[in-house]
Each structure stands twice: as structure tokens, then as C-alpha cells.
Amino acid sequence: MIKSVAIIANPKSKDIKPMVHAVVDFLKRRRIDILLDKRTAEVLEVSWCSPDEVIHDTADLIVVLGGDGTALSAARLSGEREIPILGVHMGNLGFITEISPEEALDMLGKTLDGTLSLQRRMRLCCEIINSTGDTVFKAHALNEIALSKGAIARKIEFNVCINDIHMGYYRADGYLVSTPTGSTAYALSAGGPVVWPLMNLMLLSAICPHTLD
């Protein structure tokens, strides 16, 4: 049962303010607790907002009003709780945010009633482990994980292993591990295939490789 809904909006989206107001009013009529992230609170010009930790710990649903970039931010915010995300397309790209603004309240009502089907999308878990075996970084990604030198493209050299099996040695500008959802993102620009987003697989793409040993 959904008792608490977080709203995450892109303040730069066209007509975003009336849409946020419409969603808030709809949730109030359904007596649903409302959580706003900082940028959405600024859209409504209210002083209160919910820290990311509160949204992660208490939200039963995240409503995204924006494009795919906003949806990716919400996916990172959901963390390991796997909070369902309802994406309303109000941005430039809508591969993830598929619902039109005209459908938003109807789809939200169906979600609250439990009659809207749920799509499960693969996510990746990235860990950086140092030479002593300690995990120094951990994050989840809905689209892809990119290995690169930094902001300026420079050649790097690395080995790729899957389940401790050596797959290859590369000299390249970088390397991508992508989900099916991410097949239409960075991986596509790197020459990777487009696959059905509900498939259970990972895409491996070298970025401008110099060698494929």
C-alpha cells in the first residue's frame, strides 16, 4: 500500500509548475503523504523539503516530472530499496519517462490503486576495491558504469574479467558496462546495440579502442 509519495521535478521543464501543483493536489485528495526534493520545493516556492535520506527511507513511490536525466537521479535516490518510479515525460529525452503529461494523473491513480503493471529494470552495482581489499566506493546505476581517465579523453589500459575469467586486454579511451535500459544512452554512442529494456543482460562496450587483444 502506498502511503508516501516523493515528487522529483526538473525545474527547467516547460509548464513544470502547474504540473507539480496538479500532482500535489491529486495526492492531497487521496490523503497521501507528500515528499518534495529541494528542486521541486523551489518550483512550488515553499520553504520545506525532504532530504534525500528521508525520501530513500520513507517513500513508497517516486513521481518523476522531467526527462530521462531526472529519472536517473530518482533511480540513484531509490538506492537498494528499489522504490517504484512513475516517470512523466516533460524533458528532452523520454526513453525512461514514457507517460505524457495528459496521462499523468490517470496513471498516478492507477498506480495508487495497484492496477498499473510494474516493469522491473536491471540495475548495476559498482564497487571500487583498493589494494588492501577494502571497498572505497559503492553505487548503483540504471544506465551504465563508465571507466575513463576523466573529463579529458586519454588512453587507458586495463583487463576485463567476468566471474574471474579473463575476457580481454584493452587500450581505449574508456569502457562501458551498460544495462538494457542504458543501451539507448552512452552505449549507443559508443557503437553498441539497442536491446529490449526488460532483457536480463549486460552490454560491454569499449570507447574508441586502440587494441582488442
Protein backbone atom coordinates (compact mmCIF):
# COMPACT_ATOMS: atom_id res chain seq x y z
CA MET A 1 0.00 0.00 0.00
CA ILE A 2 1.34 3.40 -0.99
CA LYS A 3 1.24 5.88 1.87
CA SER A 4 4.06 8.26 0.96
CA VAL A 5 4.97 9.67 -2.47
CA ALA A 6 8.07 11.69 -3.35
CA ILE A 7 7.93 14.17 -6.21
CA ILE A 8 11.12 14.92 -8.11
CA ALA A 9 10.76 17.55 -10.83
CA ASN A 10 13.09 19.23 -13.29
CA PRO A 11 12.60 22.96 -12.68
CA LYS A 12 13.72 23.74 -16.25
CA SER A 13 10.94 21.70 -17.88
CA LYS A 14 8.22 23.59 -19.71
CA ASP A 15 4.98 24.06 -17.74
CA ILE A 16 6.50 22.27 -14.78
CA LYS A 17 4.90 24.40 -12.06
CA PRO A 18 1.23 23.69 -12.94
CA MET A 19 2.06 20.00 -13.33
CA VAL A 20 3.67 19.81 -9.90
CA HIS A 21 0.66 21.61 -8.40
CA ALA A 22 -1.71 19.17 -10.13
CA VAL A 23 0.16 16.14 -8.76
CA VAL A 24 0.32 17.62 -5.25
CA ASP A 25 -3.41 18.42 -5.25
CA PHE A 26 -4.20 14.93 -6.54
CA LEU A 27 -2.17 13.30 -3.77
CA LYS A 28 -3.71 15.53 -1.12
CA ARG A 29 -7.19 14.44 -2.19
CA ARG A 30 -6.06 10.83 -1.81
CA ARG A 31 -4.60 11.67 1.64
CA ILE A 32 -1.12 10.58 0.61
CA ASP A 33 1.94 11.94 2.44
CA ILE A 34 3.98 14.13 0.08
CA LEU A 35 7.77 14.44 -0.01
CA LEU A 36 9.49 17.07 -2.14
CA ASP A 37 13.16 17.17 -3.00
CA LYS A 38 14.91 20.53 -2.84
CA ARG A 39 14.49 21.50 -6.50
CA THR A 40 10.79 20.59 -6.52
CA ALA A 41 10.22 22.65 -3.38
CA GLU A 42 11.80 25.58 -5.20
CA VAL A 43 9.38 25.09 -8.09
CA LEU A 44 6.46 25.38 -5.67
CA GLU A 45 8.18 28.24 -3.85
CA VAL A 46 7.77 26.53 -0.47
CA SER A 47 10.35 26.52 2.31
CA TRP A 48 10.06 22.87 3.31
CA CYS A 49 11.64 19.95 1.52
CA SER A 50 12.70 16.40 2.30
CA PRO A 51 16.38 15.41 2.46
CA ASP A 52 17.47 12.61 0.14
CA GLU A 53 17.86 10.28 3.13
CA VAL A 54 14.23 10.79 4.14
CA ILE A 55 12.99 10.13 0.60
CA HIS A 56 15.12 6.99 0.42
CA ASP A 57 13.90 5.69 3.77
CA THR A 58 10.18 6.57 3.66
CA ALA A 59 8.90 6.98 0.09
CA ASP A 60 6.72 4.17 -1.31
CA LEU A 61 6.69 5.72 -4.79
CA ILE A 62 8.67 8.38 -6.65
CA VAL A 63 6.89 10.51 -9.25
CA VAL A 64 9.35 11.97 -11.75
CA LEU A 65 8.34 15.06 -13.72
CA GLY A 66 11.04 15.68 -16.30
CA GLY A 67 13.23 13.78 -18.73
CA ASP A 68 15.45 10.74 -18.51
CA GLY A 69 18.13 12.63 -16.59
CA THR A 70 15.65 13.37 -13.80
CA ALA A 71 14.56 9.72 -13.82
CA LEU A 72 18.17 8.58 -13.46
CA SER A 73 18.60 10.87 -10.47
CA ALA A 74 15.49 9.33 -8.91
CA ALA A 75 16.81 5.82 -9.58
CA ARG A 76 20.03 6.64 -7.72
CA LEU A 77 17.98 8.11 -4.90
CA SER A 78 15.92 4.93 -4.53
CA GLY A 79 19.12 3.08 -3.64
CA GLU A 80 18.78 -0.53 -2.55
CA ARG A 81 15.09 -0.14 -1.58
CA GLU A 82 14.05 -0.37 -5.24
CA ILE A 83 11.33 2.27 -4.84
CA PRO A 84 8.95 2.20 -7.84
CA ILE A 85 9.26 5.20 -10.16
CA LEU A 86 6.43 6.72 -12.21
CA GLY A 87 8.03 8.79 -14.98
CA VAL A 88 6.15 11.64 -16.69
CA HIS A 89 7.89 12.88 -19.82
CA MET A 90 8.46 16.62 -19.56
CA GLY A 91 12.04 16.78 -20.79
CA ASN A 92 14.05 16.30 -23.99
CA LEU A 93 14.52 12.52 -23.88
CA GLY A 94 11.74 10.11 -22.95
CA PHE A 95 13.13 6.59 -23.21
CA ILE A 96 12.51 6.06 -19.48
CA THR A 97 9.85 8.70 -18.76
CA GLU A 98 7.20 7.36 -21.12
CA ILE A 99 3.97 8.82 -19.65
CA SER A 100 2.67 12.01 -21.25
CA PRO A 101 1.56 14.95 -19.07
CA GLU A 102 -2.02 14.36 -20.21
CA GLU A 103 -1.91 10.80 -18.85
CA ALA A 104 -0.08 11.65 -15.63
CA LEU A 105 -2.93 11.87 -13.12
CA ASP A 106 -4.76 8.86 -14.58
CA MET A 107 -1.60 6.73 -14.42
CA LEU A 108 -0.87 8.00 -10.91
CA GLY A 109 -4.36 6.99 -9.78
CA LYS A 110 -3.92 3.52 -11.25
CA THR A 111 -0.56 3.23 -9.51
CA LEU A 112 -2.07 4.15 -6.14
CA ASP A 113 -4.91 1.67 -6.73
CA GLY A 114 -2.43 -1.08 -7.64
CA THR A 115 -3.88 -1.64 -11.12
CA LEU A 116 -0.88 -0.42 -13.14
CA SER A 117 1.61 -3.10 -14.10
CA LEU A 118 5.18 -2.76 -12.82
CA GLN A 119 8.22 -3.11 -15.06
CA ARG A 120 11.39 -4.37 -13.40
CA ARG A 121 14.57 -2.89 -14.87
CA MET A 122 18.05 -4.21 -14.26
CA ARG A 123 20.46 -2.02 -12.30
CA LEU A 124 24.20 -2.35 -11.88
CA CYS A 125 26.10 -2.24 -8.62
CA CYS A 126 29.56 -0.70 -8.87
CA GLU A 127 32.23 -1.17 -6.22
CA ILE A 128 35.78 0.15 -6.16
CA ILE A 129 38.05 -2.06 -4.06
CA ASN A 130 41.55 -0.91 -3.16
CA SER A 131 44.74 -2.97 -2.95
CA THR A 132 44.02 -3.98 0.66
CA GLY A 133 40.60 -5.39 -0.22
CA ASP A 134 38.56 -2.54 1.25
CA THR A 135 35.55 -1.15 -0.61
CA VAL A 136 36.17 2.58 -1.02
CA PHE A 137 33.17 3.36 -3.24
CA LYS A 138 29.80 1.76 -3.96
CA ALA A 139 26.91 2.97 -6.13
CA HIS A 140 24.01 1.73 -8.24
CA ALA A 141 23.36 2.66 -11.87
CA LEU A 142 20.27 2.29 -14.06
CA ASN A 143 22.01 3.13 -17.35
CA GLU A 144 25.70 2.32 -17.26
CA ILE A 145 29.01 2.40 -15.44
CA ALA A 146 31.82 4.15 -17.33
CA LEU A 147 35.52 3.60 -16.79
CA SER A 148 37.57 6.54 -18.10
CA LYS A 149 40.55 8.73 -17.39
CA GLY A 150 38.43 11.76 -16.57
CA ALA A 151 36.96 14.80 -18.28
CA ILE A 152 39.72 14.83 -20.93
CA ALA A 153 39.77 11.70 -23.09
CA ARG A 154 43.07 9.88 -22.62
CA LYS A 155 44.00 6.32 -23.42
CA ILE A 156 43.87 3.87 -20.53
CA GLU A 157 44.97 0.25 -20.35
CA PHE A 158 43.01 -2.39 -18.47
CA ASN A 159 41.92 -6.02 -18.31
CA VAL A 160 38.29 -7.15 -18.37
CA CYS A 161 37.26 -10.26 -16.42
CA ILE A 162 33.84 -11.87 -15.93
CA ASN A 163 33.49 -14.18 -12.92
CA ASP A 164 37.30 -14.27 -12.66
CA ILE A 165 37.57 -15.37 -16.30
CA HIS A 166 39.84 -13.11 -18.35
CA MET A 167 37.92 -11.69 -21.34
CA GLY A 168 40.46 -9.32 -22.84
CA TYR A 169 43.09 -6.63 -22.51
CA TYR A 170 42.19 -3.18 -23.83
CA ARG A 171 43.82 0.09 -24.77
CA ALA A 172 40.96 2.56 -25.16
CA ASP A 173 39.56 5.92 -24.12
CA GLY A 174 37.28 4.06 -21.75
CA TYR A 175 34.94 1.16 -21.20
CA LEU A 176 31.20 0.86 -20.57
CA VAL A 177 29.16 -1.73 -18.72
CA SER A 178 25.54 -1.00 -19.58
CA THR A 179 22.10 -2.32 -18.71
CA PRO A 180 19.43 -2.90 -21.38
CA THR A 181 17.89 0.42 -20.28
CA GLY A 182 21.24 2.07 -20.96
CA SER A 183 21.54 0.59 -24.45
CA THR A 184 19.97 3.78 -25.86
CA ALA A 185 22.32 6.05 -23.91
CA TYR A 186 26.14 6.23 -23.84
CA ALA A 187 26.48 2.67 -25.14
CA LEU A 188 24.63 3.60 -28.35
CA SER A 189 27.04 6.49 -28.93
CA ALA A 190 29.92 4.04 -28.46
CA GLY A 191 28.56 1.79 -31.22
CA GLY A 192 26.69 -0.70 -29.03
CA PRO A 193 23.39 -2.40 -29.97
CA VAL A 194 19.91 -1.34 -28.87
CA VAL A 195 18.20 -4.13 -26.93
CA TRP A 196 14.77 -4.60 -25.33
CA PRO A 197 14.90 -2.85 -21.92
CA LEU A 198 13.41 -5.78 -19.99
CA MET A 199 16.08 -8.28 -21.05
CA ASN A 200 18.44 -9.76 -18.47
CA LEU A 201 21.90 -9.00 -19.83
CA MET A 202 24.82 -6.57 -19.68
CA LEU A 203 26.39 -4.77 -22.63
CA LEU A 204 30.18 -4.35 -22.76
CA SER A 205 31.46 -1.55 -24.99
CA ALA A 206 34.98 -0.22 -25.47
CA ILE A 207 35.14 3.54 -26.09
CA CYS A 208 37.38 4.31 -29.10
CA PRO A 209 39.55 1.19 -28.62
CA HIS A 210 43.11 1.18 -29.89
CA THR A 211 43.59 -2.58 -29.47
CA LEU A 212 41.37 -5.58 -28.78
CA ASP A 213 43.90 -8.15 -27.51
